[in-house]
Amino acid sequence: MQLLSQQFINNQWVASKGTRMLDVMNPYREERIAQVTAGDASDVDAAVHAARKAQPAWQALGGVARAAYLEGFADALETRRESLITLSATNNGKPLMEAGIDLDDAIACYRYYAKQAKALDTRQGEPVNVEMEGVEARTYHDPVGVVGLITPWNFPLVTSAWKLAPALAAGCTVVLKPSEVTPLPEQVLADIALEINLPAGVLNLLNGDGEGIGAPLTRHPGVDKISFTGSNRVGEAVMQAASARTASVSLELGGKSPIIVMEDADPEQAADWVMAGIYFNAGQICSATSRLLVHENVAEALYAALAERMDALTLGDPLAEGTDLGPMTSAKQRETVQRYLNIAAQEGLTAVRDATHRTLPDQGYFLAPTLYRDVPVESRLWQEEIFGPVLCARSVVSEAEAIALADDSAYGLAATVISGDPERAKRIGRKLKAGSIWYNSEQLVLPETAWGGFKRSGIGRELGPWGLSAYLEVKHVIGPA
């Protein structure tokens, strides 16, 4: 069993001031594989101090020099590819294929922001067109400063990359808090920092939970910005803590995303895209298209196609080749999803497929892939984020009804539209209130395109140039020409 009782501060592994230890589990074997320190406010204070001291020199390096370090992170992750895939599958419960996607997307993100860092140098001092004669104005982009990054347990490596890469590219220094549920993959970032000779204090990594690390980090007066991905409940607390000192926040929160299948869609092809949108990572994905709106003319054919595919899913050991669906990442998450399944039973929802249709593995935090049809819009399962392999469906009679029901949600993170007419699919997508809308495809998340949502799905955007801008302040210098 691995014991992680130290924190990575100022390029050194140092003893944590925290006295509690947290268990890290293998969700398939249901056994403890590590313990990490819970950390405390003293650890946060030391890390923030190191980051604050390092920030001016890191900014002064310039974008080209910072880009070389970002390429170093990408290269080092590539050399560790197989071991990190295995570690992610072991700690998170992802099948090997999904763990590979997580890592490859992270590598692509570091490489993308290396290019953005280089381009940032060319943007400094750009002239502004002003109408007043005899006056000139120039634009500069300065880093926010010290940022606290709090990442979730469902996609550890890629969500860290989405925050860490643009923050470093912008010239910020960082205190990173991985999830205490899946902290093991992200420990490699500290090792890489030493390997590539990242200047001391630029990256500090603190292990711990919300009580020991998360809350003190969001309240710390030396932190200029917090970027958080996770639940709405915690995100609201982060926002309140940051507001006390008017600190900037980026929040990527929940989702209850729709997937619309129109009457001109091929049910067989649509079924593949529906499956990918809800059962990837056992449904533990913020953008999971967990509300299916299918035109009544193709509803029965689609339900039949989905049932066939659900029956064919292989549930089992994430490390075994051919596993399609791993366990829930934690016993707590399995209990959370099970409560929704109990509500479904109480509400009398009609299951096309659920636990009564298959035998689950003897060990592991497994839940059966589930599909309910004709779900009332008043149902809690239709309205609330479940974060598990549970799809709720209902039929619609028109395009207008599909759009109205899709937008009838407190969230607006993502959506998918499937139609035999691509132009129609794009037109429908353009009307939806969501940050990312796919048409006739799986969920393609690209480093060049923004990630974030409307309404209760959060504040701000990650990825693309917008992700870099989240860690920059705009400054104008104005005077006589």
Protein backbone atom coordinates (compact mmCIF):
# COMPACT_ATOMS: atom_id res chain seq x y z
CA MET A 1 0.00 0.00 0.00
CA GLN A 2 1.27 3.45 -0.95
CA LEU A 3 1.59 6.05 1.82
CA LEU A 4 1.53 9.73 0.79
CA SER A 5 2.08 11.77 3.93
CA GLN A 6 3.95 14.61 2.20
CA GLN A 7 3.02 17.70 0.25
CA PHE A 8 4.81 19.08 -2.83
CA ILE A 9 5.74 22.66 -1.95
CA ASN A 10 8.47 24.80 -3.53
CA ASN A 11 9.85 21.81 -5.49
CA GLN A 12 10.24 19.66 -2.39
CA TRP A 13 8.25 16.86 -0.84
CA VAL A 14 7.76 18.03 2.74
CA ALA A 15 5.95 16.54 5.71
CA SER A 16 2.34 17.63 5.87
CA LYS A 17 1.11 19.56 8.87
CA GLY A 18 -2.13 17.60 8.72
CA THR A 19 -2.58 14.71 11.15
CA ARG A 20 -5.45 12.87 9.43
CA MET A 21 -4.96 10.26 6.70
CA LEU A 22 -7.48 9.47 3.95
CA ASP A 23 -8.02 6.09 2.33
CA VAL A 24 -7.66 5.75 -1.43
CA MET A 25 -9.63 2.82 -2.86
CA ASN A 26 -9.52 0.52 -5.84
CA PRO A 27 -13.21 0.66 -6.83
CA TYR A 28 -13.11 -2.71 -8.60
CA ARG A 29 -11.46 -4.72 -5.85
CA GLU A 30 -13.04 -2.64 -3.08
CA GLU A 31 -9.73 -2.49 -1.27
CA ARG A 32 -7.47 0.25 0.01
CA ILE A 33 -4.49 0.89 -2.25
CA ALA A 34 -3.07 4.05 -0.65
CA GLN A 35 -3.43 6.59 2.10
CA VAL A 36 -2.88 10.31 1.61
CA THR A 37 -2.58 13.09 4.11
CA ALA A 38 -5.63 15.24 4.64
CA GLY A 39 -3.43 18.34 4.83
CA ASP A 40 -4.41 21.51 6.66
CA ALA A 41 -4.35 25.30 6.47
CA SER A 42 -0.65 25.42 7.35
CA ASP A 43 0.13 23.44 4.19
CA VAL A 44 -1.98 25.85 2.16
CA ASP A 45 -0.22 28.84 3.65
CA ALA A 46 3.23 27.43 2.84
CA ALA A 47 2.22 26.56 -0.71
CA VAL A 48 0.66 29.96 -1.38
CA HIS A 49 3.74 31.69 0.00
CA ALA A 50 5.98 29.66 -2.33
CA ALA A 51 3.74 30.42 -5.32
CA ARG A 52 3.62 34.13 -4.47
CA LYS A 53 7.40 34.34 -4.23
CA ALA A 54 7.90 32.51 -7.54
CA GLN A 55 5.29 34.38 -9.60
CA PRO A 56 7.19 37.52 -10.69
CA ALA A 57 10.14 35.57 -12.11
CA TRP A 58 7.83 33.07 -13.80
CA GLN A 59 5.96 35.90 -15.49
CA ALA A 60 9.21 37.57 -16.52
CA LEU A 61 10.38 34.43 -18.35
CA GLY A 62 7.97 35.19 -21.19
CA GLY A 63 5.64 32.95 -23.14
CA VAL A 64 8.28 31.23 -25.28
CA ALA A 65 10.21 30.02 -22.26
CA ARG A 66 7.05 28.92 -20.46
CA ALA A 67 5.99 27.02 -23.57
CA ALA A 68 9.10 24.86 -23.33
CA TYR A 69 8.04 23.71 -19.86
CA LEU A 70 4.53 22.92 -21.10
CA GLU A 71 6.01 20.80 -23.87
CA GLY A 72 8.07 19.14 -21.17
CA PHE A 73 4.91 18.15 -19.30
CA ALA A 74 3.44 16.70 -22.51
CA ASP A 75 6.58 14.75 -23.35
CA ALA A 76 6.92 13.37 -19.83
CA LEU A 77 3.29 12.25 -19.76
CA GLU A 78 3.80 10.47 -23.07
CA THR A 79 6.80 8.53 -21.72
CA ARG A 80 4.67 7.39 -18.78
CA ARG A 81 1.63 6.58 -20.91
CA GLU A 82 1.16 2.89 -20.14
CA SER A 83 1.84 3.17 -16.42
CA LEU A 84 -0.50 6.16 -16.06
CA ILE A 85 -3.29 4.42 -17.95
CA THR A 86 -2.99 1.45 -15.58
CA LEU A 87 -2.88 3.74 -12.54
CA SER A 88 -5.95 5.68 -13.65
CA ALA A 89 -7.90 2.50 -14.30
CA THR A 90 -6.91 1.16 -10.89
CA ASN A 91 -7.70 4.31 -8.91
CA ASN A 92 -10.68 5.58 -10.90
CA GLY A 93 -12.30 2.42 -12.25
CA LYS A 94 -12.14 3.53 -15.89
CA PRO A 95 -11.69 0.85 -18.52
CA LEU A 96 -8.25 1.02 -20.15
CA MET A 97 -9.60 2.60 -23.32
CA GLU A 98 -11.23 5.45 -21.40
CA ALA A 99 -8.14 5.99 -19.25
CA GLY A 100 -6.13 6.29 -22.46
CA ILE A 101 -8.48 8.95 -23.80
CA ASP A 102 -8.16 10.90 -20.53
CA LEU A 103 -4.35 10.88 -20.79
CA ASP A 104 -4.15 11.62 -24.52
CA ASP A 105 -6.51 14.58 -24.14
CA ALA A 106 -4.33 15.90 -21.32
CA ILE A 107 -1.21 15.66 -23.46
CA ALA A 108 -2.93 17.48 -26.32
CA CYS A 109 -3.96 20.24 -23.90
CA TYR A 110 -0.39 20.89 -22.73
CA ARG A 111 0.79 21.07 -26.34
CA TYR A 112 -2.02 23.42 -27.31
CA TYR A 113 -1.25 25.85 -24.50
CA ALA A 114 2.46 25.74 -25.31
CA LYS A 115 1.47 27.30 -28.64
CA GLN A 116 -0.80 29.78 -26.88
CA ALA A 117 2.03 30.80 -24.55
CA LYS A 118 4.29 31.57 -27.50
CA ALA A 119 1.54 33.58 -29.20
CA LEU A 120 0.96 35.57 -26.02
CA ASP A 121 4.36 37.25 -26.40
CA THR A 122 3.33 38.62 -29.80
CA ARG A 123 0.15 40.15 -28.36
CA GLN A 124 1.90 42.27 -25.77
CA GLY A 125 1.81 45.98 -26.57
CA GLU A 126 -0.66 45.72 -29.43
CA PRO A 127 -1.87 49.20 -30.47
CA VAL A 128 -5.52 50.12 -30.01
CA ASN A 129 -7.33 52.16 -32.63
CA VAL A 130 -8.49 55.32 -30.85
CA GLU A 131 -10.31 58.25 -32.42
CA MET A 132 -8.73 60.97 -30.29
CA GLU A 133 -5.83 62.57 -32.13
CA GLY A 134 -2.43 62.72 -30.45
CA VAL A 135 -3.21 59.81 -28.13
CA GLU A 136 -1.96 56.24 -28.26
CA ALA A 137 -3.10 53.19 -26.33
CA ARG A 138 -1.50 49.77 -26.11
CA THR A 139 -2.86 46.50 -24.74
CA TYR A 140 -0.97 44.21 -22.39
CA HIS A 141 -2.00 40.89 -20.88
CA ASP A 142 -0.74 40.22 -17.36
CA PRO A 143 -1.22 36.99 -15.39
CA VAL A 144 -3.83 37.01 -12.65
CA GLY A 145 -1.15 35.95 -10.17
CA VAL A 146 -1.42 32.98 -7.80
CA VAL A 147 -4.24 30.59 -8.62
CA GLY A 148 -5.79 27.73 -6.70
CA LEU A 149 -6.87 24.81 -8.87
CA ILE A 150 -9.35 22.28 -7.47
CA THR A 151 -9.98 19.25 -9.69
CA PRO A 152 -12.62 16.48 -9.62
CA TRP A 153 -12.31 12.71 -9.39
CA ASN A 154 -13.93 11.66 -12.66
CA PHE A 155 -11.21 12.80 -15.11
CA PRO A 156 -8.14 13.58 -12.99
CA LEU A 157 -5.42 14.05 -15.60
CA VAL A 158 -7.39 15.94 -18.22
CA THR A 159 -9.18 18.31 -15.84
CA SER A 160 -5.83 19.14 -14.25
CA ALA A 161 -4.45 19.87 -17.71
CA TRP A 162 -7.41 22.11 -18.57
CA LYS A 163 -6.49 24.32 -15.59
CA LEU A 164 -2.76 23.90 -15.09
CA ALA A 165 -1.70 24.31 -18.73
CA PRO A 166 -3.40 27.69 -19.40
CA ALA A 167 -2.50 28.99 -15.92
CA LEU A 168 1.20 28.27 -16.49
CA ALA A 169 1.03 29.58 -20.06
CA ALA A 170 -0.40 32.86 -18.78
CA GLY A 171 2.41 33.32 -16.25
CA CYS A 172 0.46 32.34 -13.13
CA THR A 173 1.86 30.19 -10.37
CA VAL A 174 -0.29 27.41 -8.99
CA VAL A 175 -1.50 25.55 -5.93
CA LEU A 176 -3.18 22.38 -7.19
CA LYS A 177 -5.55 20.29 -5.07
CA PRO A 178 -6.42 16.92 -6.63
CA SER A 179 -9.52 15.08 -5.51
CA GLU A 180 -8.92 12.98 -2.42
CA VAL A 181 -10.88 10.17 -4.13
CA THR A 182 -8.49 9.82 -7.10
CA PRO A 183 -5.27 11.60 -6.11
CA LEU A 184 -2.78 9.05 -7.43
CA PRO A 185 -2.54 9.96 -11.15
CA GLU A 186 -1.92 13.63 -10.44
CA GLN A 187 1.06 12.95 -8.16
CA VAL A 188 3.06 12.44 -11.34
CA LEU A 189 2.78 16.16 -12.08
CA ALA A 190 5.08 16.92 -9.14
CA ASP A 191 7.59 14.34 -10.34
CA ILE A 192 7.51 15.85 -13.83
CA ALA A 193 8.02 19.33 -12.42
CA LEU A 194 11.28 18.17 -10.87
CA GLU A 195 12.27 16.22 -13.98
CA ILE A 196 11.92 19.21 -16.31
CA ASN A 197 13.46 21.63 -13.78
CA LEU A 198 10.35 23.75 -13.43
CA PRO A 199 11.32 26.73 -11.24
CA ALA A 200 10.61 26.21 -7.55
CA GLY A 201 7.21 27.41 -6.37
CA VAL A 202 5.59 27.52 -9.81
CA LEU A 203 3.63 24.31 -9.16
CA ASN A 204 2.65 23.25 -5.66
CA LEU A 205 0.51 20.15 -5.15
CA LEU A 206 -1.47 19.59 -1.96
CA ASN A 207 -3.22 16.37 -1.03
CA GLY A 208 -6.28 16.58 1.15
CA ASP A 209 -10.03 16.97 1.33
CA GLY A 210 -12.31 19.97 1.23
CA GLU A 211 -12.08 20.57 4.96
CA GLY A 212 -8.30 20.42 5.20
CA ILE A 213 -7.18 21.97 1.89
CA GLY A 214 -10.11 23.09 -0.27
CA ALA A 215 -11.74 25.52 2.15
CA PRO A 216 -8.49 27.18 3.35
CA LEU A 217 -7.33 27.52 -0.25
CA THR A 218 -10.50 29.29 -1.38
CA ARG A 219 -10.32 31.67 1.60
CA HIS A 220 -6.61 32.44 1.45
CA PRO A 221 -5.89 36.15 0.90
CA GLY A 222 -2.78 35.31 -1.14
CA VAL A 223 -4.79 33.48 -3.81
CA ASP A 224 -5.89 35.75 -6.66
CA LYS A 225 -8.15 33.26 -8.46
CA ILE A 226 -9.85 29.92 -7.85
CA SER A 227 -10.71 27.51 -10.64
CA PHE A 228 -13.01 24.74 -9.46
CA THR A 229 -14.65 21.78 -11.17
CA GLY A 230 -17.18 19.78 -9.19
CA SER A 231 -20.61 19.87 -7.64
CA ASN A 232 -22.91 22.87 -7.46
CA ARG A 233 -23.02 22.66 -3.67
CA VAL A 234 -19.26 23.01 -3.32
CA GLY A 235 -19.02 25.47 -6.21
CA GLU A 236 -21.42 27.82 -4.47
CA ALA A 237 -19.31 27.65 -1.31
CA VAL A 238 -16.18 28.41 -3.34
CA MET A 239 -17.89 31.43 -4.88
CA GLN A 240 -18.97 32.74 -1.48
CA ALA A 241 -15.46 32.38 -0.04
CA ALA A 242 -13.87 34.13 -3.01
CA SER A 243 -16.41 36.94 -2.93
CA ALA A 244 -15.21 38.03 0.51
CA ARG A 245 -12.03 39.38 -1.12
CA THR A 246 -13.44 39.89 -4.65
CA ALA A 247 -11.22 37.13 -6.00
CA SER A 248 -11.87 35.83 -9.49
CA VAL A 249 -13.49 32.41 -9.92
CA SER A 250 -14.03 29.95 -12.73
CA LEU A 251 -16.62 27.31 -11.96
CA GLU A 252 -17.38 24.23 -14.04
CA LEU A 253 -20.33 22.66 -12.27
CA GLY A 254 -23.17 20.29 -12.98
CA GLY A 255 -25.13 19.32 -16.04
CA LYS A 256 -28.31 17.57 -17.11
CA SER A 257 -27.66 17.56 -20.81
CA PRO A 258 -30.23 16.62 -23.46
CA ILE A 259 -29.76 14.49 -26.55
CA ILE A 260 -32.37 15.06 -29.25
CA VAL A 261 -33.13 12.40 -31.87
CA MET A 262 -35.38 13.63 -34.66
CA GLU A 263 -37.70 11.53 -36.85
CA ASP A 264 -35.32 11.62 -39.83
CA ALA A 265 -32.47 10.02 -37.85
CA ASP A 266 -31.22 6.46 -38.38
CA PRO A 267 -32.12 4.70 -35.10
CA GLU A 268 -29.15 2.35 -35.29
CA GLN A 269 -26.62 5.13 -35.75
CA ALA A 270 -28.39 7.29 -33.20
CA ALA A 271 -28.20 4.47 -30.66
CA ASP A 272 -24.39 4.44 -30.90
CA TRP A 273 -24.20 8.16 -30.19
CA VAL A 274 -26.71 7.93 -27.35
CA MET A 275 -24.70 5.11 -25.74
CA ALA A 276 -21.47 7.10 -25.95
CA GLY A 277 -23.11 10.14 -24.42
CA ILE A 278 -24.37 8.44 -21.25
CA TYR A 279 -22.40 5.26 -20.49
CA PHE A 280 -18.86 6.56 -21.07
CA ASN A 281 -17.02 6.55 -17.71
CA ALA A 282 -20.09 4.82 -16.23
CA GLY A 283 -22.05 8.03 -16.66
CA GLN A 284 -19.73 9.92 -14.31
CA ILE A 285 -19.29 12.87 -16.64
CA CYS A 286 -20.66 16.38 -16.23
CA SER A 287 -21.70 16.60 -19.88
CA ALA A 288 -23.45 13.20 -19.90
CA THR A 289 -26.48 13.43 -22.20
CA SER A 290 -28.75 11.90 -19.60
CA ARG A 291 -32.06 13.22 -20.98
CA LEU A 292 -33.12 11.58 -24.24
CA LEU A 293 -35.76 13.40 -26.30
CA VAL A 294 -36.73 11.15 -29.19
CA HIS A 295 -39.37 11.80 -31.83
CA GLU A 296 -42.30 9.44 -31.40
CA ASN A 297 -41.91 8.10 -34.95
CA VAL A 298 -38.54 6.52 -34.15
CA ALA A 299 -38.85 6.04 -30.38
CA GLU A 300 -39.65 2.31 -30.36
CA ALA A 301 -36.89 1.49 -32.84
CA LEU A 302 -34.39 3.51 -30.84
CA TYR A 303 -35.35 1.90 -27.52
CA ALA A 304 -34.93 -1.54 -29.09
CA ALA A 305 -31.50 -0.60 -30.50
CA LEU A 306 -30.40 0.79 -27.14
CA ALA A 307 -31.57 -2.31 -25.28
CA GLU A 308 -29.55 -4.50 -27.62
CA ARG A 309 -26.42 -2.44 -27.07
CA MET A 310 -26.88 -2.25 -23.32
CA ASP A 311 -27.19 -6.02 -23.13
CA ALA A 312 -23.91 -6.32 -25.03
CA LEU A 313 -21.93 -4.13 -22.61
CA THR A 314 -19.23 -6.00 -20.69
CA LEU A 315 -19.02 -5.01 -17.03
CA GLY A 316 -15.88 -6.02 -15.19
CA ASP A 317 -12.27 -5.42 -14.33
CA PRO A 318 -11.13 -2.05 -15.73
CA LEU A 319 -7.69 -3.56 -16.39
CA ALA A 320 -9.11 -6.33 -18.57
CA GLU A 321 -9.17 -5.85 -22.31
CA GLY A 322 -12.74 -5.73 -23.59
CA THR A 323 -14.32 -4.19 -20.50
CA ASP A 324 -16.88 -1.59 -21.57
CA LEU A 325 -18.18 -0.38 -18.23
CA GLY A 326 -16.24 -0.18 -14.99
CA PRO A 327 -17.52 0.36 -11.46
CA MET A 328 -18.54 3.64 -9.89
CA THR A 329 -15.40 5.41 -8.72
CA SER A 330 -16.39 5.25 -5.05
CA ALA A 331 -18.81 3.51 -2.74
CA LYS A 332 -20.24 6.93 -1.93
CA GLN A 333 -21.05 7.61 -5.58
CA ARG A 334 -22.66 4.19 -5.96
CA GLU A 335 -24.86 4.99 -2.96
CA THR A 336 -25.78 8.37 -4.44
CA VAL A 337 -26.90 6.85 -7.74
CA GLN A 338 -28.68 4.00 -5.97
CA ARG A 339 -30.83 6.55 -4.14
CA TYR A 340 -32.06 7.81 -7.51
CA LEU A 341 -32.81 4.25 -8.61
CA ASN A 342 -34.85 3.84 -5.43
CA ILE A 343 -36.75 7.04 -6.26
CA ALA A 344 -37.43 5.64 -9.73
CA ALA A 345 -38.97 2.56 -8.15
CA GLN A 346 -41.11 4.73 -5.87
CA GLU A 347 -42.26 6.82 -8.83
CA GLY A 348 -43.08 3.70 -10.83
CA LEU A 349 -40.85 4.59 -13.77
CA THR A 350 -40.79 2.15 -16.70
CA ALA A 351 -37.39 0.54 -17.16
CA VAL A 352 -36.31 -0.59 -20.61
CA ARG A 353 -33.17 -1.93 -18.93
CA ASP A 354 -32.05 -1.89 -15.29
CA ALA A 355 -30.53 -4.20 -12.66
CA THR A 356 -33.31 -6.76 -13.17
CA HIS A 357 -32.03 -7.40 -16.70
CA ARG A 358 -28.44 -8.42 -15.91
CA THR A 359 -26.16 -9.95 -13.30
CA LEU A 360 -23.54 -7.62 -11.87
CA PRO A 361 -19.95 -8.67 -11.09
CA ASP A 362 -19.42 -10.20 -7.65
CA GLN A 363 -17.06 -7.43 -6.58
CA GLY A 364 -16.72 -3.74 -7.31
CA TYR A 365 -18.91 -0.66 -6.95
CA PHE A 366 -21.02 -1.62 -9.96
CA LEU A 367 -24.42 -0.44 -11.07
CA ALA A 368 -26.32 -1.75 -14.07
CA PRO A 369 -26.65 0.49 -17.11
CA THR A 370 -30.22 1.75 -16.88
CA LEU A 371 -32.74 3.26 -19.27
CA TYR A 372 -36.15 4.60 -18.21
CA ARG A 373 -38.71 5.57 -20.84
CA ASP A 374 -41.68 7.95 -20.69
CA VAL A 375 -40.17 9.76 -17.71
CA PRO A 376 -42.33 12.67 -16.50
CA VAL A 377 -40.62 16.05 -16.54
CA GLU A 378 -41.59 16.41 -12.86
CA SER A 379 -39.50 13.38 -11.90
CA ARG A 380 -36.37 14.06 -9.88
CA LEU A 381 -34.52 11.74 -12.23
CA TRP A 382 -35.41 14.03 -15.14
CA GLN A 383 -34.54 17.24 -13.31
CA GLU A 384 -31.46 16.40 -11.21
CA GLU A 385 -27.92 15.40 -12.11
CA ILE A 386 -27.47 11.71 -11.24
CA PHE A 387 -23.82 11.23 -12.31
CA GLY A 388 -24.16 7.56 -13.09
CA PRO A 389 -25.15 5.16 -15.89
CA VAL A 390 -28.81 6.21 -15.89
CA LEU A 391 -30.60 7.49 -19.01
CA CYS A 392 -34.07 9.05 -18.82
CA ALA A 393 -36.10 9.22 -22.04
CA ARG A 394 -39.38 10.59 -23.28
CA SER A 395 -40.87 11.02 -26.73
CA VAL A 396 -41.69 14.29 -28.47
CA VAL A 397 -43.99 15.11 -31.38
CA SER A 398 -42.15 18.06 -32.90
CA GLU A 399 -38.90 19.93 -33.20
CA ALA A 400 -40.33 22.82 -31.19
CA GLU A 401 -41.29 20.52 -28.32
CA ALA A 402 -37.83 18.95 -28.33
CA ILE A 403 -36.13 22.35 -28.07
CA ALA A 404 -38.47 23.54 -25.33
CA LEU A 405 -37.95 20.41 -23.21
CA ALA A 406 -34.20 20.43 -23.82
CA ASP A 407 -33.92 23.96 -22.45
CA ASP A 408 -36.32 23.31 -19.55
CA SER A 409 -33.47 22.70 -17.12
CA ALA A 410 -31.51 24.53 -14.46
CA TYR A 411 -28.35 23.53 -16.32
CA GLY A 412 -26.87 24.37 -19.71
CA LEU A 413 -23.53 22.66 -20.12
CA ALA A 414 -23.94 20.58 -23.27
CA ALA A 415 -26.37 19.00 -25.74
CA THR A 416 -26.42 16.68 -28.75
CA VAL A 417 -28.71 16.80 -31.79
CA ILE A 418 -29.14 13.84 -34.16
CA SER A 419 -30.88 14.26 -37.50
CA GLY A 420 -30.64 12.83 -40.99
CA ASP A 421 -30.24 16.42 -42.18
CA PRO A 422 -26.99 17.95 -40.83
CA GLU A 423 -28.17 21.48 -41.55
CA ARG A 424 -31.31 20.85 -39.54
CA ALA A 425 -29.24 19.43 -36.69
CA LYS A 426 -27.02 22.52 -36.66
CA ARG A 427 -30.05 24.81 -36.79
CA ILE A 428 -31.64 23.08 -33.80
CA GLY A 429 -28.35 23.16 -31.93
CA ARG A 430 -27.99 26.87 -32.50
CA LYS A 431 -31.29 27.41 -30.65
CA LEU A 432 -30.29 25.48 -27.53
CA LYS A 433 -28.99 27.16 -24.38
CA ALA A 434 -25.79 25.22 -23.77
CA GLY A 435 -22.06 25.82 -23.99
CA SER A 436 -21.14 22.84 -26.19
CA ILE A 437 -23.53 21.34 -28.74
CA TRP A 438 -22.64 18.33 -30.85
CA TYR A 439 -24.53 17.19 -33.91
CA ASN A 440 -24.43 13.73 -35.44
CA SER A 441 -21.36 12.75 -33.44
CA GLU A 442 -20.02 11.62 -30.12
CA GLN A 443 -18.90 14.20 -27.58
CA LEU A 444 -15.82 15.69 -29.22
CA VAL A 445 -13.94 17.83 -26.71
CA LEU A 446 -11.13 19.72 -28.44
CA PRO A 447 -8.43 21.92 -26.91
CA GLU A 448 -9.27 24.63 -29.44
CA THR A 449 -12.96 24.94 -28.48
CA ALA A 450 -14.34 26.42 -25.27
CA TRP A 451 -15.72 24.32 -22.42
CA GLY A 452 -18.27 25.66 -19.96
CA GLY A 453 -21.97 26.22 -19.63
CA PHE A 454 -24.98 28.42 -19.14
CA LYS A 455 -27.15 28.83 -16.04
CA ARG A 456 -26.18 26.61 -13.07
CA SER A 457 -23.52 24.82 -15.09
CA GLY A 458 -20.96 27.39 -14.06
CA ILE A 459 -19.07 30.61 -14.69
CA GLY A 460 -16.41 31.17 -17.33
CA ARG A 461 -14.86 28.97 -19.98
CA GLU A 462 -11.98 26.52 -20.14
CA LEU A 463 -10.00 25.47 -23.23
CA GLY A 464 -9.29 27.47 -26.37
CA PRO A 465 -8.10 31.07 -26.16
CA TRP A 466 -10.93 31.66 -23.68
CA GLY A 467 -9.24 29.26 -21.26
CA LEU A 468 -6.04 31.29 -21.44
CA SER A 469 -7.93 34.55 -20.99
CA ALA A 470 -9.36 33.20 -17.74
CA TYR A 471 -5.88 33.51 -16.21
CA LEU A 472 -5.05 36.93 -17.67
CA GLU A 473 -5.83 40.52 -16.74
CA VAL A 474 -6.08 43.12 -19.51
CA LYS A 475 -4.05 46.28 -19.01
CA HIS A 476 -4.00 49.40 -21.19
CA VAL A 477 -1.20 51.96 -21.23
CA ILE A 478 -2.46 55.29 -22.60
CA GLY A 479 -0.71 58.57 -23.27
CA PRO A 480 0.55 61.05 -25.89
CA ALA A 481 1.34 59.60 -29.29
